[in-house]
């Protein structure tokens, strides 16, 4: 009887969206923002979008994850030596709690730039490197992330 009651309770919880680990009524949001242009205006627009999204969901008491994915000429956004927005990225990353923001750099692009320039290309401390920026965007979308291209 105890086992039957537990099974009925579990089905009821799933049916009404009260699965363990998820607060009733709480929503979680995830957005991937693409930057593929070496244009400070586009980079700043992407950062504006990220900051506005995080603030909007913070005000609603809802969780949000933001990932800015850079590749091609957009990698300059995260390059330690050429980023026109690295100070702003640090400021946003430092102030993002409780939201989560990540910055990812395409390694295919980074390696191509290294080959072309004949020297190492480093990224800012707030960035992580992924094998392919385009593949990263695909995987995030396949996992249900929203997509935004400023």
C-alpha atoms as a PDB file:
ATOM      1  CA  UNK A   1       0.000   0.000   0.000  1.00  0.00           C
ATOM      2  CA  UNK A   2       2.836   2.368   0.883  1.00  0.00           C
ATOM      3  CA  UNK A   3       4.478   1.638  -2.498  1.00  0.00           C
ATOM      4  CA  UNK A   4       1.214   2.309  -4.344  1.00  0.00           C
ATOM      5  CA  UNK A   5       0.728   5.638  -2.534  1.00  0.00           C
ATOM      6  CA  UNK A   6       4.307   6.662  -3.387  1.00  0.00           C
ATOM      7  CA  UNK A   7       3.781   5.862  -7.069  1.00  0.00           C
ATOM      8  CA  UNK A   8       0.499   7.814  -7.179  1.00  0.00           C
ATOM      9  CA  UNK A   9       2.138  10.775  -5.428  1.00  0.00           C
ATOM     10  CA  UNK A  10       5.065  10.740  -7.874  1.00  0.00           C
ATOM     11  CA  UNK A  11       2.726  10.714 -10.887  1.00  0.00           C
ATOM     12  CA  UNK A  12       0.699  13.567  -9.389  1.00  0.00           C
ATOM     13  CA  UNK A  13       3.833  15.613  -8.753  1.00  0.00           C
ATOM     14  CA  UNK A  14       5.005  15.156 -12.335  1.00  0.00           C
ATOM     15  CA  UNK A  15       1.555  15.928 -13.722  1.00  0.00           C
ATOM     16  CA  UNK A  16       1.368  19.202 -11.811  1.00  0.00           C
ATOM     17  CA  UNK A  17       4.977  20.286 -12.472  1.00  0.00           C
ATOM     18  CA  UNK A  18       6.202  19.689  -8.941  1.00  0.00           C
ATOM     19  CA  UNK A  19       9.081  17.370  -9.696  1.00  0.00           C
ATOM     20  CA  UNK A  20      11.670  17.143  -6.920  1.00  0.00           C
ATOM     21  CA  UNK A  21      14.381  19.778  -7.248  1.00  0.00           C
ATOM     22  CA  UNK A  22      12.142  22.239  -9.088  1.00  0.00           C
ATOM     23  CA  UNK A  23      10.307  24.825  -7.044  1.00  0.00           C
ATOM     24  CA  UNK A  24       6.650  25.144  -7.923  1.00  0.00           C
ATOM     25  CA  UNK A  25       6.217  28.002 -10.374  1.00  0.00           C
ATOM     26  CA  UNK A  26       9.954  28.644 -10.760  1.00  0.00           C
ATOM     27  CA  UNK A  27      11.141  29.072 -14.322  1.00  0.00           C
ATOM     28  CA  UNK A  28      14.596  28.770 -15.758  1.00  0.00           C
ATOM     29  CA  UNK A  29      15.662  30.501 -18.959  1.00  0.00           C
ATOM     30  CA  UNK A  30      18.696  29.985 -21.198  1.00  0.00           C
ATOM     31  CA  UNK A  31      19.881  32.076 -24.129  1.00  0.00           C
ATOM     32  CA  UNK A  32      22.877  31.815 -26.439  1.00  0.00           C
ATOM     33  CA  UNK A  33      24.041  35.092 -27.964  1.00  0.00           C
ATOM     34  CA  UNK A  34      26.129  34.889 -31.141  1.00  0.00           C
ATOM     35  CA  UNK A  35      28.887  37.385 -31.938  1.00  0.00           C
ATOM     36  CA  UNK A  36      30.621  36.831 -35.282  1.00  0.00           C
ATOM     37  CA  UNK A  37      31.620  40.390 -36.202  1.00  0.00           C
ATOM     38  CA  UNK A  38      34.639  42.473 -35.202  1.00  0.00           C
ATOM     39  CA  UNK A  39      32.433  45.491 -34.581  1.00  0.00           C
ATOM     40  CA  UNK A  40      32.404  47.233 -31.187  1.00  0.00           C
ATOM     41  CA  UNK A  41      28.785  48.320 -31.765  1.00  0.00           C
ATOM     42  CA  UNK A  42      27.680  44.694 -32.250  1.00  0.00           C
ATOM     43  CA  UNK A  43      29.741  43.578 -29.247  1.00  0.00           C
ATOM     44  CA  UNK A  44      28.200  46.270 -27.053  1.00  0.00           C
ATOM     45  CA  UNK A  45      24.719  45.417 -28.312  1.00  0.00           C
ATOM     46  CA  UNK A  46      25.323  41.765 -27.367  1.00  0.00           C
ATOM     47  CA  UNK A  47      26.447  42.870 -23.896  1.00  0.00           C
ATOM     48  CA  UNK A  48      23.420  45.174 -23.592  1.00  0.00           C
ATOM     49  CA  UNK A  49      21.161  42.247 -24.511  1.00  0.00           C
ATOM     50  CA  UNK A  50      22.873  39.992 -21.962  1.00  0.00           C
ATOM     51  CA  UNK A  51      22.660  42.584 -19.170  1.00  0.00           C
ATOM     52  CA  UNK A  52      19.021  43.426 -19.935  1.00  0.00           C
ATOM     53  CA  UNK A  53      18.021  39.754 -20.040  1.00  0.00           C
ATOM     54  CA  UNK A  54      19.726  39.058 -16.706  1.00  0.00           C
ATOM     55  CA  UNK A  55      18.106  42.109 -15.081  1.00  0.00           C
ATOM     56  CA  UNK A  56      14.638  41.260 -16.415  1.00  0.00           C
ATOM     57  CA  UNK A  57      14.672  37.733 -15.017  1.00  0.00           C
ATOM     58  CA  UNK A  58      16.307  38.829 -11.777  1.00  0.00           C
ATOM     59  CA  UNK A  59      13.387  41.249 -11.288  1.00  0.00           C
ATOM     60  CA  UNK A  60      10.954  38.373 -11.888  1.00  0.00           C
ATOM     61  CA  UNK A  61      12.790  36.105  -9.455  1.00  0.00           C
ATOM     62  CA  UNK A  62      13.526  33.602 -12.220  1.00  0.00           C
ATOM     63  CA  UNK A  63      16.803  31.911 -13.077  1.00  0.00           C
ATOM     64  CA  UNK A  64      18.597  32.732 -16.315  1.00  0.00           C
ATOM     65  CA  UNK A  65      21.741  31.487 -18.003  1.00  0.00           C
ATOM     66  CA  UNK A  66      23.378  33.523 -20.758  1.00  0.00           C
ATOM     67  CA  UNK A  67      26.205  32.321 -22.974  1.00  0.00           C
ATOM     68  CA  UNK A  68      27.904  34.664 -25.426  1.00  0.00           C
ATOM     69  CA  UNK A  69      29.483  32.547 -28.170  1.00  0.00           C
ATOM     70  CA  UNK A  70      32.135  34.176 -30.359  1.00  0.00           C
ATOM     71  CA  UNK A  71      33.696  32.923 -33.568  1.00  0.00           C
ATOM     72  CA  UNK A  72      35.149  34.273 -36.794  1.00  0.00           C
ATOM     73  CA  UNK A  73      35.937  37.997 -36.579  1.00  0.00           C
ATOM     74  CA  UNK A  74      33.755  38.140 -33.445  1.00  0.00           C
ATOM     75  CA  UNK A  75      36.528  36.388 -31.505  1.00  0.00           C
ATOM     76  CA  UNK A  76      38.158  39.817 -31.127  1.00  0.00           C
ATOM     77  CA  UNK A  77      35.504  40.448 -28.465  1.00  0.00           C
ATOM     78  CA  UNK A  78      37.265  37.927 -26.215  1.00  0.00           C
ATOM     79  CA  UNK A  79      40.876  38.391 -27.316  1.00  0.00           C
ATOM     80  CA  UNK A  80      43.067  39.688 -24.539  1.00  0.00           C
ATOM     81  CA  UNK A  81      45.027  41.947 -26.904  1.00  0.00           C
ATOM     82  CA  UNK A  82      42.254  43.347 -29.139  1.00  0.00           C
ATOM     83  CA  UNK A  83      38.969  43.327 -27.217  1.00  0.00           C
ATOM     84  CA  UNK A  84      37.366  46.764 -27.175  1.00  0.00           C
ATOM     85  CA  UNK A  85      34.916  45.572 -24.496  1.00  0.00           C
ATOM     86  CA  UNK A  86      37.025  43.523 -22.063  1.00  0.00           C
ATOM     87  CA  UNK A  87      36.524  45.966 -19.169  1.00  0.00           C
ATOM     88  CA  UNK A  88      32.768  45.870 -19.688  1.00  0.00           C
ATOM     89  CA  UNK A  89      32.791  42.058 -19.861  1.00  0.00           C
ATOM     90  CA  UNK A  90      34.603  41.923 -16.515  1.00  0.00           C
ATOM     91  CA  UNK A  91      32.070  44.325 -14.999  1.00  0.00           C
ATOM     92  CA  UNK A  92      29.084  42.307 -16.271  1.00  0.00           C
ATOM     93  CA  UNK A  93      30.606  38.976 -15.234  1.00  0.00           C
ATOM     94  CA  UNK A  94      31.386  40.295 -11.742  1.00  0.00           C
ATOM     95  CA  UNK A  95      27.865  41.708 -11.278  1.00  0.00           C
ATOM     96  CA  UNK A  96      25.870  38.871 -12.847  1.00  0.00           C
ATOM     97  CA  UNK A  97      24.973  36.900  -9.686  1.00  0.00           C
ATOM     98  CA  UNK A  98      22.463  35.266  -9.282  1.00  0.00           C
ATOM     99  CA  UNK A  99      22.280  34.964 -13.072  1.00  0.00           C
ATOM    100  CA  UNK A 100      24.923  32.961 -14.869  1.00  0.00           C
ATOM    101  CA  UNK A 101      26.850  34.389 -17.809  1.00  0.00           C
ATOM    102  CA  UNK A 102      29.537  32.608 -19.791  1.00  0.00           C
ATOM    103  CA  UNK A 103      31.717  33.800 -22.634  1.00  0.00           C
ATOM    104  CA  UNK A 104      33.008  31.177 -25.072  1.00  0.00           C
ATOM    105  CA  UNK A 105      35.646  31.549 -27.768  1.00  0.00           C
ATOM    106  CA  UNK A 106      35.964  29.350 -30.852  1.00  0.00           C
ATOM    107  CA  UNK A 107      39.252  27.452 -30.892  1.00  0.00           C
ATOM    108  CA  UNK A 108      39.055  26.908 -34.670  1.00  0.00           C
ATOM    109  CA  UNK A 109      39.077  30.682 -35.098  1.00  0.00           C
ATOM    110  CA  UNK A 110      41.746  31.215 -32.439  1.00  0.00           C
ATOM    111  CA  UNK A 111      44.080  28.680 -34.055  1.00  0.00           C
ATOM    112  CA  UNK A 112      43.489  30.238 -37.481  1.00  0.00           C
ATOM    113  CA  UNK A 113      44.359  33.669 -36.109  1.00  0.00           C
ATOM    114  CA  UNK A 114      47.510  32.256 -34.490  1.00  0.00           C
ATOM    115  CA  UNK A 115      48.575  30.733 -37.803  1.00  0.00           C
ATOM    116  CA  UNK A 116      47.831  33.945 -39.706  1.00  0.00           C
ATOM    117  CA  UNK A 117      49.535  36.233 -37.164  1.00  0.00           C
ATOM    118  CA  UNK A 118      52.434  33.908 -36.332  1.00  0.00           C
ATOM    119  CA  UNK A 119      51.983  34.307 -32.576  1.00  0.00           C
ATOM    120  CA  UNK A 120      49.878  33.049 -29.690  1.00  0.00           C
ATOM    121  CA  UNK A 121      46.376  34.478 -29.339  1.00  0.00           C
ATOM    122  CA  UNK A 122      45.089  34.556 -25.768  1.00  0.00           C
ATOM    123  CA  UNK A 123      41.583  35.153 -24.496  1.00  0.00           C
ATOM    124  CA  UNK A 124      40.412  37.207 -21.525  1.00  0.00           C
ATOM    125  CA  UNK A 125      40.149  35.464 -18.132  1.00  0.00           C
ATOM    126  CA  UNK A 126      36.321  35.457 -18.234  1.00  0.00           C
ATOM    127  CA  UNK A 127      36.308  33.379 -21.438  1.00  0.00           C
ATOM    128  CA  UNK A 128      36.545  29.670 -21.976  1.00  0.00           C
ATOM    129  CA  UNK A 129      37.574  28.063 -25.255  1.00  0.00           C
ATOM    130  CA  UNK A 130      35.355  25.574 -27.095  1.00  0.00           C
ATOM    131  CA  UNK A 131      36.484  23.504 -30.093  1.00  0.00           C
ATOM    132  CA  UNK A 132      34.001  25.182 -32.464  1.00  0.00           C
ATOM    133  CA  UNK A 133      31.786  28.214 -31.878  1.00  0.00           C
ATOM    134  CA  UNK A 134      29.310  27.157 -34.560  1.00  0.00           C
ATOM    135  CA  UNK A 135      29.019  23.665 -33.092  1.00  0.00           C
ATOM    136  CA  UNK A 136      28.608  25.151 -29.604  1.00  0.00           C
ATOM    137  CA  UNK A 137      25.651  27.224 -30.822  1.00  0.00           C
ATOM    138  CA  UNK A 138      24.101  24.154 -32.448  1.00  0.00           C
ATOM    139  CA  UNK A 139      24.494  22.082 -29.288  1.00  0.00           C
ATOM    140  CA  UNK A 140      22.980  24.785 -27.086  1.00  0.00           C
ATOM    141  CA  UNK A 141      19.985  25.099 -29.408  1.00  0.00           C
ATOM    142  CA  UNK A 142      19.579  21.324 -29.535  1.00  0.00           C
ATOM    143  CA  UNK A 143      19.513  21.409 -25.716  1.00  0.00           C
ATOM    144  CA  UNK A 144      16.617  23.885 -25.779  1.00  0.00           C
ATOM    145  CA  UNK A 145      18.479  27.197 -25.450  1.00  0.00           C
ATOM    146  CA  UNK A 146      16.998  30.269 -27.105  1.00  0.00           C
ATOM    147  CA  UNK A 147      19.168  31.941 -29.739  1.00  0.00           C
ATOM    148  CA  UNK A 148      19.854  35.638 -30.226  1.00  0.00           C
ATOM    149  CA  UNK A 149      21.992  37.388 -32.804  1.00  0.00           C
ATOM    150  CA  UNK A 150      22.260  41.134 -32.234  1.00  0.00           C
END
